[in-house]
N, C-alpha and C. Protein backbone atom coordinates (compact mmCIF):
# COMPACT_ATOMS: atom_id res chain seq x y z
N UNK A 1 -46.89 -96.70 -220.92
CA UNK A 1 -46.65 -96.26 -222.26
C UNK A 1 -46.51 -97.49 -223.16
N UNK A 2 -46.85 -97.31 -224.43
CA UNK A 2 -46.71 -98.33 -225.40
C UNK A 2 -45.95 -97.76 -226.56
N UNK A 3 -45.09 -98.57 -227.17
CA UNK A 3 -44.34 -98.07 -228.32
C UNK A 3 -43.62 -99.18 -229.03
N UNK A 4 -42.91 -98.79 -230.04
CA UNK A 4 -42.09 -99.64 -230.80
C UNK A 4 -40.84 -98.86 -231.29
N UNK A 5 -39.74 -99.54 -231.49
CA UNK A 5 -38.61 -98.90 -232.02
C UNK A 5 -38.88 -98.15 -233.34
N UNK A 6 -39.72 -98.72 -234.16
CA UNK A 6 -40.05 -98.14 -235.44
C UNK A 6 -40.82 -96.81 -235.33
N UNK A 7 -41.24 -96.49 -234.12
CA UNK A 7 -42.04 -95.28 -233.91
C UNK A 7 -41.41 -94.32 -232.94
N UNK A 8 -40.08 -94.20 -233.01
CA UNK A 8 -39.43 -93.28 -232.13
C UNK A 8 -39.67 -93.60 -230.66
N UNK A 9 -39.93 -94.86 -230.41
CA UNK A 9 -40.08 -95.47 -229.14
C UNK A 9 -41.48 -95.37 -228.46
N UNK A 10 -42.25 -94.37 -228.69
CA UNK A 10 -43.56 -94.25 -228.02
C UNK A 10 -44.69 -93.92 -228.96
N UNK A 11 -45.85 -94.55 -228.71
CA UNK A 11 -47.09 -94.27 -229.48
C UNK A 11 -48.23 -93.85 -228.63
N UNK A 12 -48.31 -94.38 -227.41
CA UNK A 12 -49.46 -94.09 -226.57
C UNK A 12 -49.05 -94.02 -225.09
N UNK A 13 -49.94 -93.49 -224.27
CA UNK A 13 -49.72 -93.36 -222.87
C UNK A 13 -51.04 -93.43 -222.11
N UNK A 14 -51.02 -94.11 -220.96
CA UNK A 14 -52.13 -94.15 -220.03
C UNK A 14 -51.66 -93.33 -218.82
N UNK A 15 -52.36 -92.22 -218.52
CA UNK A 15 -51.94 -91.44 -217.38
C UNK A 15 -51.89 -92.26 -216.11
N UNK A 16 -50.85 -92.01 -215.28
CA UNK A 16 -50.64 -92.87 -214.08
C UNK A 16 -51.88 -92.90 -213.16
N UNK A 17 -52.66 -91.82 -213.10
CA UNK A 17 -53.84 -91.79 -212.24
C UNK A 17 -54.98 -92.68 -212.76
N UNK A 18 -54.86 -93.22 -213.97
CA UNK A 18 -55.91 -94.05 -214.54
C UNK A 18 -55.55 -95.55 -214.55
N UNK A 19 -54.34 -95.89 -214.14
CA UNK A 19 -53.87 -97.26 -214.24
C UNK A 19 -54.76 -98.21 -213.42
N UNK A 20 -55.15 -97.80 -212.20
CA UNK A 20 -55.95 -98.67 -211.35
C UNK A 20 -57.33 -98.95 -211.96
N UNK A 21 -57.86 -97.98 -212.70
CA UNK A 21 -59.17 -98.17 -213.33
C UNK A 21 -59.11 -98.91 -214.67
N UNK A 22 -57.94 -98.89 -215.30
CA UNK A 22 -57.75 -99.49 -216.65
C UNK A 22 -56.46 -100.29 -216.67
N UNK A 23 -56.33 -101.34 -215.89
CA UNK A 23 -55.05 -102.05 -215.74
C UNK A 23 -54.55 -102.68 -217.01
N UNK A 24 -55.34 -102.99 -217.97
CA UNK A 24 -54.92 -103.64 -219.18
C UNK A 24 -54.71 -102.67 -220.34
N UNK A 25 -55.03 -101.41 -220.11
CA UNK A 25 -54.99 -100.42 -221.19
C UNK A 25 -53.61 -99.83 -221.45
N UNK A 26 -53.36 -99.47 -222.72
CA UNK A 26 -52.15 -98.75 -223.06
C UNK A 26 -52.49 -97.28 -223.24
N UNK A 27 -53.70 -96.89 -222.94
CA UNK A 27 -54.13 -95.50 -223.05
C UNK A 27 -54.59 -95.12 -224.42
N UNK A 28 -54.24 -93.90 -224.78
CA UNK A 28 -54.59 -93.32 -226.08
C UNK A 28 -53.32 -92.83 -226.78
N UNK A 29 -53.44 -92.53 -228.04
CA UNK A 29 -52.28 -92.02 -228.80
C UNK A 29 -51.73 -90.75 -228.25
N UNK A 30 -50.42 -90.65 -228.31
CA UNK A 30 -49.72 -89.42 -227.88
C UNK A 30 -50.13 -88.26 -228.82
N UNK A 31 -49.95 -86.99 -228.40
CA UNK A 31 -50.23 -85.92 -229.34
C UNK A 31 -49.48 -86.03 -230.63
N UNK A 32 -50.22 -85.92 -231.74
CA UNK A 32 -49.65 -86.03 -233.08
C UNK A 32 -49.66 -87.46 -233.61
N UNK A 33 -50.02 -88.44 -232.79
CA UNK A 33 -50.01 -89.84 -233.18
C UNK A 33 -51.47 -90.27 -233.34
N UNK A 34 -51.81 -90.88 -234.45
CA UNK A 34 -53.13 -91.47 -234.71
C UNK A 34 -53.00 -92.97 -234.66
N UNK A 35 -53.84 -93.60 -233.80
CA UNK A 35 -53.86 -95.03 -233.69
C UNK A 35 -55.23 -95.55 -234.11
N UNK A 36 -55.25 -96.62 -234.89
CA UNK A 36 -56.47 -97.25 -235.35
C UNK A 36 -56.36 -98.75 -235.11
N UNK A 37 -57.48 -99.40 -234.97
CA UNK A 37 -57.54 -100.85 -234.89
C UNK A 37 -58.28 -101.33 -236.13
N UNK A 38 -57.61 -102.14 -236.97
CA UNK A 38 -58.12 -102.44 -238.29
C UNK A 38 -58.20 -103.95 -238.53
N UNK A 39 -59.08 -104.33 -239.48
CA UNK A 39 -59.19 -105.73 -239.92
C UNK A 39 -58.10 -106.02 -240.95
N UNK A 40 -57.98 -107.23 -241.48
CA UNK A 40 -56.93 -107.54 -242.47
C UNK A 40 -57.00 -106.69 -243.75
N UNK A 41 -58.17 -106.13 -244.07
CA UNK A 41 -58.31 -105.30 -245.24
C UNK A 41 -58.05 -103.81 -244.99
N UNK A 42 -57.71 -103.48 -243.71
CA UNK A 42 -57.40 -102.10 -243.35
C UNK A 42 -58.61 -101.29 -242.93
N UNK A 43 -59.76 -101.94 -242.78
CA UNK A 43 -60.95 -101.22 -242.33
C UNK A 43 -60.97 -101.19 -240.82
N UNK A 44 -61.34 -100.05 -240.29
CA UNK A 44 -61.41 -99.90 -238.81
C UNK A 44 -62.51 -100.81 -238.25
N UNK A 45 -62.16 -101.56 -237.19
CA UNK A 45 -63.14 -102.44 -236.56
C UNK A 45 -63.94 -101.67 -235.54
N UNK A 46 -65.01 -102.29 -235.09
CA UNK A 46 -65.92 -101.63 -234.14
C UNK A 46 -65.38 -101.61 -232.72
N UNK A 47 -66.12 -100.96 -231.89
CA UNK A 47 -65.79 -100.88 -230.47
C UNK A 47 -65.67 -102.30 -229.83
N UNK A 48 -64.59 -102.52 -229.08
CA UNK A 48 -64.29 -103.79 -228.38
C UNK A 48 -64.09 -104.95 -229.35
N UNK A 49 -63.90 -104.71 -230.64
CA UNK A 49 -63.59 -105.74 -231.57
C UNK A 49 -62.07 -105.84 -231.72
N UNK A 50 -61.62 -107.02 -232.06
CA UNK A 50 -60.17 -107.29 -232.18
C UNK A 50 -59.69 -106.96 -233.56
N UNK A 51 -58.50 -106.36 -233.65
CA UNK A 51 -57.88 -106.05 -234.94
C UNK A 51 -56.44 -105.69 -234.73
N UNK A 52 -55.72 -105.39 -235.84
CA UNK A 52 -54.32 -105.00 -235.69
C UNK A 52 -54.20 -103.52 -235.40
N UNK A 53 -53.34 -103.17 -234.49
CA UNK A 53 -53.09 -101.77 -234.18
C UNK A 53 -52.16 -101.16 -235.23
N UNK A 54 -52.60 -100.07 -235.85
CA UNK A 54 -51.78 -99.37 -236.84
C UNK A 54 -51.59 -97.92 -236.34
N UNK A 55 -50.46 -97.34 -236.73
CA UNK A 55 -50.11 -96.00 -236.24
C UNK A 55 -49.68 -95.07 -237.36
N UNK A 56 -49.95 -93.79 -237.15
CA UNK A 56 -49.54 -92.78 -238.11
C UNK A 56 -49.07 -91.59 -237.33
N UNK A 57 -47.97 -90.98 -237.71
CA UNK A 57 -47.51 -89.81 -237.02
C UNK A 57 -46.09 -89.41 -237.45
N UNK A 58 -45.65 -88.26 -237.00
CA UNK A 58 -44.32 -87.76 -237.42
C UNK A 58 -43.16 -88.54 -236.80
N UNK A 59 -43.44 -89.36 -235.80
CA UNK A 59 -42.36 -90.11 -235.14
C UNK A 59 -42.07 -91.51 -235.77
N UNK A 60 -42.74 -91.81 -236.86
CA UNK A 60 -42.54 -93.12 -237.48
C UNK A 60 -41.26 -93.13 -238.30
N UNK A 61 -40.65 -94.30 -238.36
CA UNK A 61 -39.47 -94.49 -239.16
C UNK A 61 -39.81 -94.29 -240.64
N UNK A 62 -38.75 -94.08 -241.46
CA UNK A 62 -38.92 -93.99 -242.89
C UNK A 62 -38.81 -95.38 -243.53
N UNK A 63 -38.18 -96.27 -242.82
CA UNK A 63 -38.04 -97.66 -243.34
C UNK A 63 -36.90 -98.35 -242.66
N UNK A 64 -36.78 -99.65 -242.95
CA UNK A 64 -35.70 -100.41 -242.39
C UNK A 64 -34.45 -100.24 -243.28
N UNK A 65 -33.31 -100.12 -242.66
CA UNK A 65 -32.05 -99.89 -243.38
C UNK A 65 -31.79 -101.03 -244.36
N UNK A 66 -31.72 -100.70 -245.64
CA UNK A 66 -31.41 -101.61 -246.71
C UNK A 66 -32.31 -102.84 -246.76
N UNK A 67 -33.57 -102.67 -246.37
CA UNK A 67 -34.53 -103.80 -246.43
C UNK A 67 -35.85 -103.28 -246.93
N UNK A 68 -35.97 -102.96 -248.23
CA UNK A 68 -37.22 -102.43 -248.78
C UNK A 68 -38.38 -103.40 -248.68
N UNK A 69 -38.15 -104.66 -248.75
CA UNK A 69 -39.27 -105.64 -248.68
C UNK A 69 -39.90 -105.60 -247.27
N UNK A 70 -39.10 -105.68 -246.23
CA UNK A 70 -39.64 -105.60 -244.89
C UNK A 70 -40.34 -104.24 -244.66
N UNK A 71 -39.75 -103.19 -245.20
CA UNK A 71 -40.38 -101.88 -245.06
C UNK A 71 -41.76 -101.89 -245.69
N UNK A 72 -41.91 -102.44 -246.90
CA UNK A 72 -43.22 -102.54 -247.56
C UNK A 72 -44.23 -103.36 -246.72
N UNK A 73 -43.76 -104.37 -246.00
CA UNK A 73 -44.64 -105.17 -245.22
C UNK A 73 -45.27 -104.41 -244.02
N UNK A 74 -44.44 -103.53 -243.39
CA UNK A 74 -44.94 -102.87 -242.18
C UNK A 74 -45.41 -101.44 -242.39
N UNK A 75 -44.93 -100.73 -243.42
CA UNK A 75 -45.37 -99.39 -243.73
C UNK A 75 -46.23 -99.45 -244.99
N UNK A 76 -47.54 -99.28 -244.80
CA UNK A 76 -48.48 -99.36 -245.93
C UNK A 76 -49.40 -98.14 -245.89
N UNK A 77 -49.43 -97.41 -246.98
CA UNK A 77 -50.29 -96.25 -247.10
C UNK A 77 -50.09 -95.25 -245.98
N UNK A 78 -48.85 -95.08 -245.52
CA UNK A 78 -48.56 -94.16 -244.44
C UNK A 78 -48.81 -94.62 -243.02
N UNK A 79 -49.21 -95.90 -242.91
CA UNK A 79 -49.53 -96.46 -241.61
C UNK A 79 -48.46 -97.49 -241.23
N UNK A 80 -48.04 -97.49 -239.98
CA UNK A 80 -47.16 -98.52 -239.42
C UNK A 80 -48.03 -99.64 -238.91
N UNK A 81 -47.87 -100.84 -239.47
CA UNK A 81 -48.61 -102.02 -239.01
C UNK A 81 -47.76 -102.66 -237.91
N UNK A 82 -48.24 -102.58 -236.69
CA UNK A 82 -47.44 -102.98 -235.54
C UNK A 82 -47.35 -104.46 -235.31
N UNK A 83 -48.30 -105.23 -235.85
CA UNK A 83 -48.35 -106.65 -235.62
C UNK A 83 -49.02 -106.99 -234.26
N UNK A 84 -49.39 -105.98 -233.51
CA UNK A 84 -50.06 -106.17 -232.21
C UNK A 84 -51.56 -106.20 -232.41
N UNK A 85 -52.23 -107.11 -231.76
CA UNK A 85 -53.68 -107.17 -231.79
C UNK A 85 -54.23 -106.38 -230.62
N UNK A 86 -55.25 -105.58 -230.92
CA UNK A 86 -55.74 -104.65 -229.93
C UNK A 86 -57.24 -104.55 -230.07
N UNK A 87 -57.84 -103.89 -229.06
CA UNK A 87 -59.24 -103.47 -229.13
C UNK A 87 -59.30 -102.04 -228.56
N UNK A 88 -60.37 -101.33 -228.92
CA UNK A 88 -60.59 -99.96 -228.42
C UNK A 88 -61.97 -99.94 -227.75
N UNK A 89 -61.98 -99.39 -226.53
CA UNK A 89 -63.28 -99.34 -225.83
C UNK A 89 -64.04 -98.07 -226.27
N UNK A 90 -65.22 -97.90 -225.71
CA UNK A 90 -66.10 -96.80 -226.09
C UNK A 90 -65.57 -95.40 -225.79
N UNK A 91 -64.57 -95.35 -224.95
CA UNK A 91 -63.97 -94.03 -224.63
C UNK A 91 -62.60 -93.81 -225.37
N UNK A 92 -62.29 -94.76 -226.26
CA UNK A 92 -61.07 -94.61 -227.06
C UNK A 92 -59.82 -95.14 -226.46
N UNK A 93 -59.92 -95.88 -225.34
CA UNK A 93 -58.74 -96.45 -224.70
C UNK A 93 -58.44 -97.81 -225.37
N UNK A 94 -57.16 -98.00 -225.63
CA UNK A 94 -56.70 -99.21 -226.32
C UNK A 94 -56.16 -100.22 -225.38
N UNK A 95 -56.32 -101.50 -225.73
CA UNK A 95 -55.73 -102.62 -224.97
C UNK A 95 -55.12 -103.59 -225.96
N UNK A 96 -53.93 -104.02 -225.70
CA UNK A 96 -53.23 -105.00 -226.49
C UNK A 96 -53.58 -106.40 -225.95
N UNK A 97 -53.92 -107.30 -226.85
CA UNK A 97 -54.33 -108.63 -226.41
C UNK A 97 -53.42 -109.72 -226.93
N UNK A 98 -52.51 -109.43 -227.85
CA UNK A 98 -51.62 -110.46 -228.37
C UNK A 98 -50.94 -109.93 -229.62
N UNK A 99 -50.31 -110.87 -230.28
CA UNK A 99 -49.58 -110.58 -231.56
C UNK A 99 -50.30 -111.28 -232.69
N UNK A 100 -50.36 -110.64 -233.83
CA UNK A 100 -51.04 -111.19 -234.99
C UNK A 100 -50.49 -112.57 -235.37
N UNK A 101 -49.18 -112.76 -235.28
CA UNK A 101 -48.60 -114.03 -235.66
C UNK A 101 -48.78 -115.12 -234.61
N UNK A 102 -49.21 -114.73 -233.38
CA UNK A 102 -49.40 -115.68 -232.29
C UNK A 102 -50.78 -116.27 -232.23
N UNK A 103 -51.67 -115.88 -233.17
CA UNK A 103 -53.06 -116.26 -233.11
C UNK A 103 -53.26 -117.75 -233.43
N UNK A 104 -54.26 -118.32 -232.76
CA UNK A 104 -54.66 -119.68 -233.08
C UNK A 104 -55.87 -119.61 -233.96
N UNK A 105 -55.86 -120.23 -235.12
CA UNK A 105 -56.99 -120.21 -236.03
C UNK A 105 -57.91 -121.36 -235.69
N UNK A 106 -59.08 -121.09 -235.13
CA UNK A 106 -60.06 -122.11 -234.76
C UNK A 106 -61.24 -121.89 -235.69
N UNK A 107 -61.30 -122.69 -236.78
CA UNK A 107 -62.31 -122.48 -237.79
C UNK A 107 -62.20 -121.10 -238.36
N UNK A 108 -63.28 -120.34 -238.30
CA UNK A 108 -63.27 -118.93 -238.83
C UNK A 108 -62.85 -117.94 -237.78
N UNK A 109 -62.54 -118.39 -236.54
CA UNK A 109 -62.22 -117.50 -235.45
C UNK A 109 -60.70 -117.43 -235.27
N UNK A 110 -60.27 -116.26 -234.71
CA UNK A 110 -58.89 -116.08 -234.31
C UNK A 110 -58.88 -115.98 -232.78
N UNK A 111 -58.03 -116.76 -232.14
CA UNK A 111 -58.03 -116.79 -230.66
C UNK A 111 -56.61 -116.37 -230.22
N UNK A 112 -56.51 -115.42 -229.28
CA UNK A 112 -55.25 -115.02 -228.73
C UNK A 112 -54.86 -115.90 -227.58
N UNK A 113 -53.75 -116.65 -227.69
CA UNK A 113 -53.34 -117.52 -226.58
C UNK A 113 -53.14 -116.73 -225.26
N UNK A 114 -52.68 -115.51 -225.37
CA UNK A 114 -52.43 -114.72 -224.14
C UNK A 114 -53.72 -114.49 -223.38
N UNK A 115 -54.86 -114.29 -224.06
CA UNK A 115 -56.13 -114.10 -223.39
C UNK A 115 -56.51 -115.36 -222.60
N UNK A 116 -56.34 -116.53 -223.24
CA UNK A 116 -56.68 -117.79 -222.58
C UNK A 116 -55.75 -118.05 -221.41
N UNK A 117 -54.46 -117.75 -221.57
CA UNK A 117 -53.47 -117.94 -220.49
C UNK A 117 -53.80 -117.03 -219.29
N UNK A 118 -54.23 -115.82 -219.55
CA UNK A 118 -54.57 -114.92 -218.42
C UNK A 118 -55.73 -115.45 -217.65
N UNK A 119 -56.75 -115.92 -218.32
CA UNK A 119 -57.95 -116.44 -217.67
C UNK A 119 -57.61 -117.74 -216.93
N UNK A 120 -56.88 -118.68 -217.60
CA UNK A 120 -56.56 -119.93 -216.98
C UNK A 120 -55.64 -119.76 -215.76
N UNK A 121 -54.77 -118.75 -215.80
CA UNK A 121 -53.87 -118.55 -214.64
C UNK A 121 -54.59 -118.15 -213.39
N UNK A 122 -55.85 -117.69 -213.49
CA UNK A 122 -56.66 -117.34 -212.33
C UNK A 122 -57.38 -118.55 -211.73
N UNK A 123 -57.29 -119.69 -212.43
CA UNK A 123 -57.93 -120.89 -211.93
C UNK A 123 -57.24 -121.32 -210.62
N UNK A 124 -58.01 -121.60 -209.59
CA UNK A 124 -57.38 -122.06 -208.33
C UNK A 124 -56.49 -123.32 -208.56
N UNK A 125 -55.27 -123.24 -208.06
CA UNK A 125 -54.34 -124.35 -208.18
C UNK A 125 -53.38 -124.30 -209.35
N UNK A 126 -53.56 -123.30 -210.26
CA UNK A 126 -52.70 -123.14 -211.40
C UNK A 126 -51.50 -122.25 -211.07
N UNK A 127 -50.28 -122.77 -211.24
CA UNK A 127 -49.06 -121.96 -211.05
C UNK A 127 -48.63 -121.29 -212.34
N UNK A 128 -48.66 -122.04 -213.42
CA UNK A 128 -48.24 -121.48 -214.72
C UNK A 128 -49.07 -122.17 -215.78
N UNK A 129 -49.25 -121.43 -216.94
CA UNK A 129 -50.01 -121.98 -218.06
C UNK A 129 -49.48 -121.42 -219.35
N UNK A 130 -49.50 -122.25 -220.37
CA UNK A 130 -49.21 -121.84 -221.74
C UNK A 130 -50.24 -122.46 -222.64
N UNK A 131 -50.76 -121.69 -223.57
CA UNK A 131 -51.76 -122.17 -224.52
C UNK A 131 -51.17 -122.12 -225.92
N UNK A 132 -51.32 -123.24 -226.66
CA UNK A 132 -50.83 -123.32 -228.03
C UNK A 132 -51.98 -123.89 -228.91
N UNK A 133 -51.82 -123.66 -230.20
CA UNK A 133 -52.74 -124.24 -231.14
C UNK A 133 -52.16 -125.55 -231.71
N UNK A 134 -52.93 -126.64 -231.63
CA UNK A 134 -52.52 -127.88 -232.20
C UNK A 134 -53.38 -128.18 -233.41
N UNK A 135 -52.80 -128.82 -234.41
CA UNK A 135 -53.57 -129.15 -235.64
C UNK A 135 -54.85 -129.96 -235.34
N UNK A 136 -55.90 -129.64 -236.12
CA UNK A 136 -57.18 -130.32 -235.98
C UNK A 136 -57.72 -130.52 -237.36
N UNK A 137 -58.19 -131.75 -237.72
CA UNK A 137 -58.71 -131.96 -239.09
C UNK A 137 -59.95 -131.18 -239.46
N UNK A 138 -60.75 -130.80 -238.49
CA UNK A 138 -61.97 -130.11 -238.74
C UNK A 138 -61.80 -128.61 -238.57
N UNK A 139 -61.19 -128.15 -237.47
CA UNK A 139 -61.13 -126.73 -237.10
C UNK A 139 -59.87 -126.02 -237.57
N UNK A 140 -58.93 -126.76 -238.16
CA UNK A 140 -57.64 -126.20 -238.55
C UNK A 140 -56.70 -126.29 -237.38
N UNK A 141 -57.07 -125.62 -236.25
CA UNK A 141 -56.32 -125.70 -235.02
C UNK A 141 -57.32 -125.67 -233.88
N UNK A 142 -56.90 -126.18 -232.70
CA UNK A 142 -57.67 -126.09 -231.49
C UNK A 142 -56.70 -125.67 -230.38
N UNK A 143 -57.20 -124.87 -229.41
CA UNK A 143 -56.36 -124.48 -228.30
C UNK A 143 -56.16 -125.69 -227.33
N UNK A 144 -54.92 -125.82 -226.87
CA UNK A 144 -54.58 -126.80 -225.89
C UNK A 144 -53.77 -126.09 -224.79
N UNK A 145 -54.13 -126.33 -223.50
CA UNK A 145 -53.43 -125.65 -222.38
C UNK A 145 -52.46 -126.63 -221.75
N UNK A 146 -51.28 -126.11 -221.50
CA UNK A 146 -50.24 -126.83 -220.73
C UNK A 146 -50.12 -126.14 -219.38
N UNK A 147 -50.48 -126.89 -218.30
CA UNK A 147 -50.58 -126.28 -216.99
C UNK A 147 -49.58 -126.89 -216.03
N UNK A 148 -48.95 -126.02 -215.23
CA UNK A 148 -48.11 -126.44 -214.12
C UNK A 148 -48.93 -126.19 -212.86
N UNK A 149 -49.29 -127.25 -212.11
CA UNK A 149 -50.10 -127.02 -210.90
C UNK A 149 -49.26 -126.41 -209.78
N UNK A 150 -49.94 -125.68 -208.89
CA UNK A 150 -49.26 -125.19 -207.67
C UNK A 150 -48.92 -126.42 -206.80
N UNK A 151 -47.88 -126.27 -206.05
CA UNK A 151 -47.51 -127.35 -205.13
C UNK A 151 -48.37 -127.39 -203.92
N UNK A 152 -48.57 -128.53 -203.30
CA UNK A 152 -49.29 -128.73 -202.06
C UNK A 152 -50.72 -128.20 -202.06
N UNK A 153 -51.37 -128.38 -203.20
CA UNK A 153 -52.78 -128.00 -203.34
C UNK A 153 -53.62 -129.22 -203.02
N UNK A 154 -54.64 -129.04 -202.14
CA UNK A 154 -55.48 -130.16 -201.75
C UNK A 154 -56.92 -129.83 -202.00
N UNK A 155 -57.65 -130.53 -202.84
CA UNK A 155 -57.21 -131.67 -203.60
C UNK A 155 -56.30 -131.28 -204.76
N UNK A 156 -55.51 -132.17 -205.29
CA UNK A 156 -54.59 -131.87 -206.38
C UNK A 156 -55.37 -131.38 -207.63
N UNK A 157 -54.76 -130.44 -208.33
CA UNK A 157 -55.41 -129.89 -209.56
C UNK A 157 -55.49 -131.00 -210.60
N UNK A 158 -56.60 -131.02 -211.27
CA UNK A 158 -56.83 -131.98 -212.40
C UNK A 158 -57.13 -131.23 -213.68
N UNK A 159 -56.91 -131.89 -214.79
CA UNK A 159 -57.24 -131.30 -216.07
C UNK A 159 -58.73 -131.00 -216.14
N UNK A 160 -59.58 -131.89 -215.62
CA UNK A 160 -61.03 -131.63 -215.65
C UNK A 160 -61.40 -130.37 -214.85
N UNK A 161 -60.71 -130.14 -213.72
CA UNK A 161 -61.02 -128.96 -212.93
C UNK A 161 -60.68 -127.68 -213.73
N UNK A 162 -59.58 -127.71 -214.46
CA UNK A 162 -59.21 -126.53 -215.29
C UNK A 162 -60.23 -126.34 -216.39
N UNK A 163 -60.63 -127.43 -217.04
CA UNK A 163 -61.59 -127.34 -218.14
C UNK A 163 -62.96 -126.84 -217.60
N UNK A 164 -63.36 -127.31 -216.43
CA UNK A 164 -64.61 -126.86 -215.87
C UNK A 164 -64.55 -125.38 -215.56
N UNK A 165 -63.43 -124.91 -215.01
CA UNK A 165 -63.23 -123.50 -214.67
C UNK A 165 -63.37 -122.65 -215.95
N UNK A 166 -62.69 -123.04 -216.99
CA UNK A 166 -62.70 -122.31 -218.26
C UNK A 166 -64.05 -122.32 -218.96
N UNK A 167 -64.81 -123.41 -218.78
CA UNK A 167 -66.10 -123.51 -219.48
C UNK A 167 -67.06 -122.41 -219.04
N UNK A 168 -66.90 -121.90 -217.82
CA UNK A 168 -67.77 -120.82 -217.36
C UNK A 168 -67.27 -119.44 -217.72
N UNK A 169 -66.09 -119.36 -218.33
CA UNK A 169 -65.46 -118.09 -218.58
C UNK A 169 -65.19 -117.76 -220.06
N UNK A 170 -65.32 -118.79 -220.89
CA UNK A 170 -64.98 -118.61 -222.29
C UNK A 170 -66.08 -119.18 -223.25
N UNK A 171 -66.25 -118.55 -224.39
CA UNK A 171 -67.15 -119.17 -225.38
C UNK A 171 -66.57 -120.46 -225.86
N UNK A 172 -67.38 -121.33 -226.37
CA UNK A 172 -66.99 -122.67 -226.77
C UNK A 172 -65.80 -122.68 -227.73
N UNK A 173 -65.76 -121.80 -228.75
CA UNK A 173 -64.69 -121.85 -229.70
C UNK A 173 -63.35 -121.49 -229.10
N UNK A 174 -63.31 -120.73 -227.96
CA UNK A 174 -62.07 -120.38 -227.35
C UNK A 174 -61.57 -121.41 -226.28
N UNK A 175 -62.44 -122.25 -225.85
CA UNK A 175 -62.06 -123.18 -224.78
C UNK A 175 -61.03 -124.21 -225.21
N UNK A 176 -59.96 -124.41 -224.42
CA UNK A 176 -59.02 -125.44 -224.77
C UNK A 176 -59.72 -126.79 -224.84
N UNK A 177 -59.36 -127.54 -225.83
CA UNK A 177 -59.95 -128.91 -226.04
C UNK A 177 -59.31 -129.92 -225.11
N UNK A 178 -58.13 -129.53 -224.57
CA UNK A 178 -57.42 -130.50 -223.72
C UNK A 178 -56.54 -129.67 -222.76
N UNK A 179 -56.33 -130.25 -221.62
CA UNK A 179 -55.33 -129.66 -220.65
C UNK A 179 -54.34 -130.77 -220.33
N UNK A 180 -53.06 -130.38 -220.48
CA UNK A 180 -52.00 -131.33 -220.19
C UNK A 180 -51.18 -130.81 -219.04
């Protein structure tokens, strides 16, 4: 299940029998709940495109207690703007990929650190990884990966090995420029 306190706790559900086939999915909206994935202008994005998840339904809050400004920021035109970045597949199943405020701006692209972390964590010899955006004079920001190697790995993990692994799995604009 996926939800937020602002939405009476639940917005979507993935039936237990479908978890193995859709391990990253949060399912579809609960009965009475409409979920959309939208661009910054509020237009619905296409299939498998990234956008902000917004919700509408009878379970949404009326606003934040004594905070009309914050209420205006998250409740717009009857939609709750969750701040979560998501995509919708061809069958209507939703997947959360990160938070809007956590995005790295690489030129005209938005990159979710969580996506890069998930892929990098599958690299042989990687125990832990965190990806952040560091300032860049040309691109605005570039992704940089901070990696903790697994112990007793032979040969020892190198930054070049991680970069080589990622180069086959990510488009150029998403690849970390450096591994530390």
